PDB file of N, CA and C in Angstrom:
ATOM      1  N   MET A   1      25.327  13.343   1.292  1.00  0.00           N
ATOM      2  CA  MET A   1      24.909  11.969   1.544  1.00  0.00           C
ATOM      3  C   MET A   1      23.650  11.945   2.420  1.00  0.00           C
ATOM      4  N   ASP A   2      23.580  12.816   3.429  1.00  0.00           N
ATOM      5  CA  ASP A   2      22.395  12.850   4.288  1.00  0.00           C
ATOM      6  C   ASP A   2      21.151  13.220   3.504  1.00  0.00           C
ATOM      7  N   GLU A   3      21.314  14.135   2.522  1.00  0.00           N
ATOM      8  CA  GLU A   3      20.169  14.533   1.702  1.00  0.00           C
ATOM      9  C   GLU A   3      19.626  13.344   0.922  1.00  0.00           C
ATOM     10  N   GLU A   4      20.503  12.529   0.372  1.00  0.00           N
ATOM     11  CA  GLU A   4      20.069  11.350  -0.379  1.00  0.00           C
ATOM     12  C   GLU A   4      19.325  10.376   0.533  1.00  0.00           C
ATOM     13  N   MET A   5      19.794  10.207   1.728  1.00  0.00           N
ATOM     14  CA  MET A   5      19.131   9.304   2.669  1.00  0.00           C
ATOM     15  C   MET A   5      17.752   9.853   3.029  1.00  0.00           C
ATOM     16  N   ASN A   6      17.661  11.158   3.193  1.00  0.00           N
ATOM     17  CA  ASN A   6      16.382  11.760   3.528  1.00  0.00           C
ATOM     18  C   ASN A   6      15.391  11.594   2.386  1.00  0.00           C
ATOM     19  N   VAL A   7      15.839  11.779   1.160  1.00  0.00           N
ATOM     20  CA  VAL A   7      14.968  11.588   0.001  1.00  0.00           C
ATOM     21  C   VAL A   7      14.532  10.130  -0.073  1.00  0.00           C
ATOM     22  N   GLY A   8      15.442   9.228   0.183  1.00  0.00           N
ATOM     23  CA  GLY A   8      15.111   7.807   0.185  1.00  0.00           C
ATOM     24  C   GLY A   8      14.079   7.470   1.244  1.00  0.00           C
ATOM     25  N   GLU A   9      14.239   8.036   2.421  1.00  0.00           N
ATOM     26  CA  GLU A   9      13.281   7.805   3.508  1.00  0.00           C
ATOM     27  C   GLU A   9      11.913   8.380   3.150  1.00  0.00           C
ATOM     28  N   ILE A  10      11.903   9.557   2.542  1.00  0.00           N
ATOM     29  CA  ILE A  10      10.634  10.172   2.129  1.00  0.00           C
ATOM     30  C   ILE A  10       9.953   9.306   1.088  1.00  0.00           C
ATOM     31  N   LEU A  11      10.716   8.802   0.133  1.00  0.00           N
ATOM     32  CA  LEU A  11      10.140   7.935  -0.895  1.00  0.00           C
ATOM     33  C   LEU A  11       9.577   6.659  -0.279  1.00  0.00           C
ATOM     34  N   LYS A  12      10.305   6.089   0.669  1.00  0.00           N
ATOM     35  CA  LYS A  12       9.847   4.874   1.339  1.00  0.00           C
ATOM     36  C   LYS A  12       8.552   5.132   2.105  1.00  0.00           C
ATOM     37  N   GLU A  13       8.527   6.212   2.860  1.00  0.00           N
ATOM     38  CA  GLU A  13       7.333   6.550   3.638  1.00  0.00           C
ATOM     39  C   GLU A  13       6.137   6.813   2.722  1.00  0.00           C
ATOM     40  N   THR A  14       6.383   7.494   1.613  1.00  0.00           N
ATOM     41  CA  THR A  14       5.308   7.787   0.664  1.00  0.00           C
ATOM     42  C   THR A  14       4.769   6.509   0.046  1.00  0.00           C
ATOM     43  N   ALA A  15       5.651   5.598  -0.314  1.00  0.00           N
ATOM     44  CA  ALA A  15       5.222   4.321  -0.888  1.00  0.00           C
ATOM     45  C   ALA A  15       4.404   3.524   0.126  1.00  0.00           C
ATOM     46  N   GLU A  16       4.841   3.494   1.373  1.00  0.00           N
ATOM     47  CA  GLU A  16       4.104   2.775   2.418  1.00  0.00           C
ATOM     48  C   GLU A  16       2.728   3.401   2.644  1.00  0.00           C
ATOM     49  N   GLU A  17       2.682   4.721   2.654  1.00  0.00           N
ATOM     50  CA  GLU A  17       1.409   5.413   2.848  1.00  0.00           C
ATOM     51  C   GLU A  17       0.456   5.122   1.687  1.00  0.00           C
ATOM     52  N   ASN A  18       0.982   5.144   0.476  1.00  0.00           N
ATOM     53  CA  ASN A  18       0.150   4.852  -0.692  1.00  0.00           C
ATOM     54  C   ASN A  18      -0.367   3.420  -0.662  1.00  0.00           C
ATOM     55  N   GLN A  19       0.468   2.494  -0.233  1.00  0.00           N
ATOM     56  CA  GLN A  19       0.053   1.097  -0.137  1.00  0.00           C
ATOM     57  C   GLN A  19      -1.055   0.946   0.915  1.00  0.00           C
ATOM     58  N   THR A  20      -0.899   1.624   2.026  1.00  0.00           N
ATOM     59  CA  THR A  20      -1.916   1.577   3.069  1.00  0.00           C
ATOM     60  C   THR A  20      -3.230   2.162   2.568  1.00  0.00           C
ATOM     61  N   ARG A  21      -3.154   3.262   1.836  1.00  0.00           N
ATOM     62  CA  ARG A  21      -4.370   3.865   1.271  1.00  0.00           C
ATOM     63  C   ARG A  21      -5.054   2.914   0.288  1.00  0.00           C
ATOM     64  N   LYS A  22      -4.265   2.239  -0.523  1.00  0.00           N
ATOM     65  CA  LYS A  22      -4.820   1.293  -1.494  1.00  0.00           C
ATOM     66  C   LYS A  22      -5.514   0.142  -0.773  1.00  0.00           C
ATOM     67  N   ILE A  23      -4.908  -0.378   0.274  1.00  0.00           N
ATOM     68  CA  ILE A  23      -5.519  -1.472   1.039  1.00  0.00           C
ATOM     69  C   ILE A  23      -6.806  -0.994   1.698  1.00  0.00           C
ATOM     70  N   LEU A  24      -6.812   0.216   2.243  1.00  0.00           N
ATOM     71  CA  LEU A  24      -8.021   0.762   2.846  1.00  0.00           C
ATOM     72  C   LEU A  24      -9.127   0.905   1.804  1.00  0.00           C
ATOM     73  N   GLU A  25      -8.765   1.353   0.621  1.00  0.00           N
ATOM     74  CA  GLU A  25      -9.729   1.471  -0.479  1.00  0.00           C
ATOM     75  C   GLU A  25     -10.312   0.098  -0.832  1.00  0.00           C
ATOM     76  N   ILE A  26      -9.456  -0.909  -0.894  1.00  0.00           N
ATOM     77  CA  ILE A  26      -9.912  -2.276  -1.182  1.00  0.00           C
ATOM     78  C   ILE A  26     -10.883  -2.742  -0.105  1.00  0.00           C
ATOM     79  N   LEU A  27     -10.547  -2.501   1.152  1.00  0.00           N
ATOM     80  CA  LEU A  27     -11.424  -2.917   2.248  1.00  0.00           C
ATOM     81  C   LEU A  27     -12.791  -2.245   2.152  1.00  0.00           C
ATOM     82  N   ASN A  28     -12.787  -0.968   1.829  1.00  0.00           N
ATOM     83  CA  ASN A  28     -14.048  -0.233   1.725  1.00  0.00           C
ATOM     84  C   ASN A  28     -14.895  -0.696   0.540  1.00  0.00           C
ATOM     85  N   GLU A  29     -14.251  -1.155  -0.536  1.00  0.00           N
ATOM     86  CA  GLU A  29     -14.974  -1.554  -1.739  1.00  0.00           C
ATOM     87  C   GLU A  29     -15.414  -3.018  -1.716  1.00  0.00           C
ATOM     88  N   SER A  30     -14.857  -3.805  -0.825  1.00  0.00           N
ATOM     89  CA  SER A  30     -15.135  -5.242  -0.802  1.00  0.00           C
ATOM     90  C   SER A  30     -16.416  -5.538  -0.044  1.00  0.00           C
ATOM     91  N   LYS A  31     -17.128  -6.552  -0.523  1.00  0.00           N
ATOM     92  CA  LYS A  31     -18.393  -6.922   0.131  1.00  0.00           C
ATOM     93  C   LYS A  31     -18.162  -7.726   1.404  1.00  0.00           C
ATOM     94  N   ASP A  32     -17.023  -8.433   1.471  1.00  0.00           N
ATOM     95  CA  ASP A  32     -16.715  -9.207   2.669  1.00  0.00           C
ATOM     96  C   ASP A  32     -15.208  -9.399   2.796  1.00  0.00           C
ATOM     97  N   LEU A  33     -14.816 -10.012   3.895  1.00  0.00           N
ATOM     98  CA  LEU A  33     -13.392 -10.187   4.179  1.00  0.00           C
ATOM     99  C   LEU A  33     -12.708 -11.079   3.141  1.00  0.00           C
ATOM    100  N   ALA A  34     -13.396 -12.116   2.693  1.00  0.00           N
ATOM    101  CA  ALA A  34     -12.803 -13.032   1.712  1.00  0.00           C
ATOM    102  C   ALA A  34     -12.470 -12.293   0.415  1.00  0.00           C
ATOM    103  N   GLU A  35     -13.379 -11.451  -0.036  1.00  0.00           N
ATOM    104  CA  GLU A  35     -13.131 -10.678  -1.261  1.00  0.00           C
ATOM    105  C   GLU A  35     -11.966  -9.709  -1.049  1.00  0.00           C
ATOM    106  N   ALA A  36     -11.938  -9.071   0.106  1.00  0.00           N
ATOM    107  CA  ALA A  36     -10.852  -8.137   0.412  1.00  0.00           C
ATOM    108  C   ALA A  36      -9.505  -8.848   0.404  1.00  0.00           C
ATOM    109  N   LYS A  37      -9.449 -10.035   1.007  1.00  0.00           N
ATOM    110  CA  LYS A  37      -8.204 -10.805   1.029  1.00  0.00           C
ATOM    111  C   LYS A  37      -7.744 -11.143  -0.378  1.00  0.00           C
ATOM    112  N   GLU A  38      -8.654 -11.555  -1.229  1.00  0.00           N
ATOM    113  CA  GLU A  38      -8.300 -11.896  -2.613  1.00  0.00           C
ATOM    114  C   GLU A  38      -7.752 -10.679  -3.356  1.00  0.00           C
ATOM    115  N   LYS A  39      -8.391  -9.542  -3.151  1.00  0.00           N
ATOM    116  CA  LYS A  39      -7.941  -8.300  -3.824  1.00  0.00           C
ATOM    117  C   LYS A  39      -6.552  -7.879  -3.340  1.00  0.00           C
ATOM    118  N   VAL A  40      -6.315  -8.021  -2.039  1.00  0.00           N
ATOM    119  CA  VAL A  40      -4.994  -7.668  -1.506  1.00  0.00           C
ATOM    120  C   VAL A  40      -3.935  -8.634  -2.022  1.00  0.00           C
ATOM    121  N   LYS A  41      -4.260  -9.917  -2.080  1.00  0.00           N
ATOM    122  CA  LYS A  41      -3.320 -10.906  -2.644  1.00  0.00           C
ATOM    123  C   LYS A  41      -3.003 -10.572  -4.088  1.00  0.00           C
ATOM    124  N   ALA A  42      -4.017 -10.194  -4.852  1.00  0.00           N
ATOM    125  CA  ALA A  42      -3.809  -9.820  -6.252  1.00  0.00           C
ATOM    126  C   ALA A  42      -2.907  -8.594  -6.348  1.00  0.00           C
ATOM    127  N   LEU A  43      -3.086  -7.652  -5.431  1.00  0.00           N
ATOM    128  CA  LEU A  43      -2.251  -6.452  -5.401  1.00  0.00           C
ATOM    129  C   LEU A  43      -0.792  -6.825  -5.163  1.00  0.00           C
ATOM    130  N   LEU A  44      -0.561  -7.784  -4.293  1.00  0.00           N
ATOM    131  CA  LEU A  44       0.805  -8.211  -3.987  1.00  0.00           C
ATOM    132  C   LEU A  44       1.458  -8.956  -5.152  1.00  0.00           C
ATOM    133  N   ASN A  45       0.646  -9.588  -5.985  1.00  0.00           N
ATOM    134  CA  ASN A  45       1.176 -10.369  -7.102  1.00  0.00           C
ATOM    135  C   ASN A  45       1.401  -9.568  -8.377  1.00  0.00           C
ATOM    136  N   LYS A  46       1.159  -8.262  -8.324  1.00  0.00           N
ATOM    137  CA  LYS A  46       1.376  -7.420  -9.514  1.00  0.00           C
ATOM    138  C   LYS A  46       2.840  -7.223  -9.774  1.00  0.00           C
TER     139      LYS A  46
END
């Protein structure tokens, strides 16, 4: 049971890290804050 919880935690952490990387990529690619906000909102609506 502990192994399953550890795998679940690893998956959760990996997903959070990937989401953070995607948001950072959006920020770097956006010309301004308004564009970045729209892109992040679109990401959340997928």
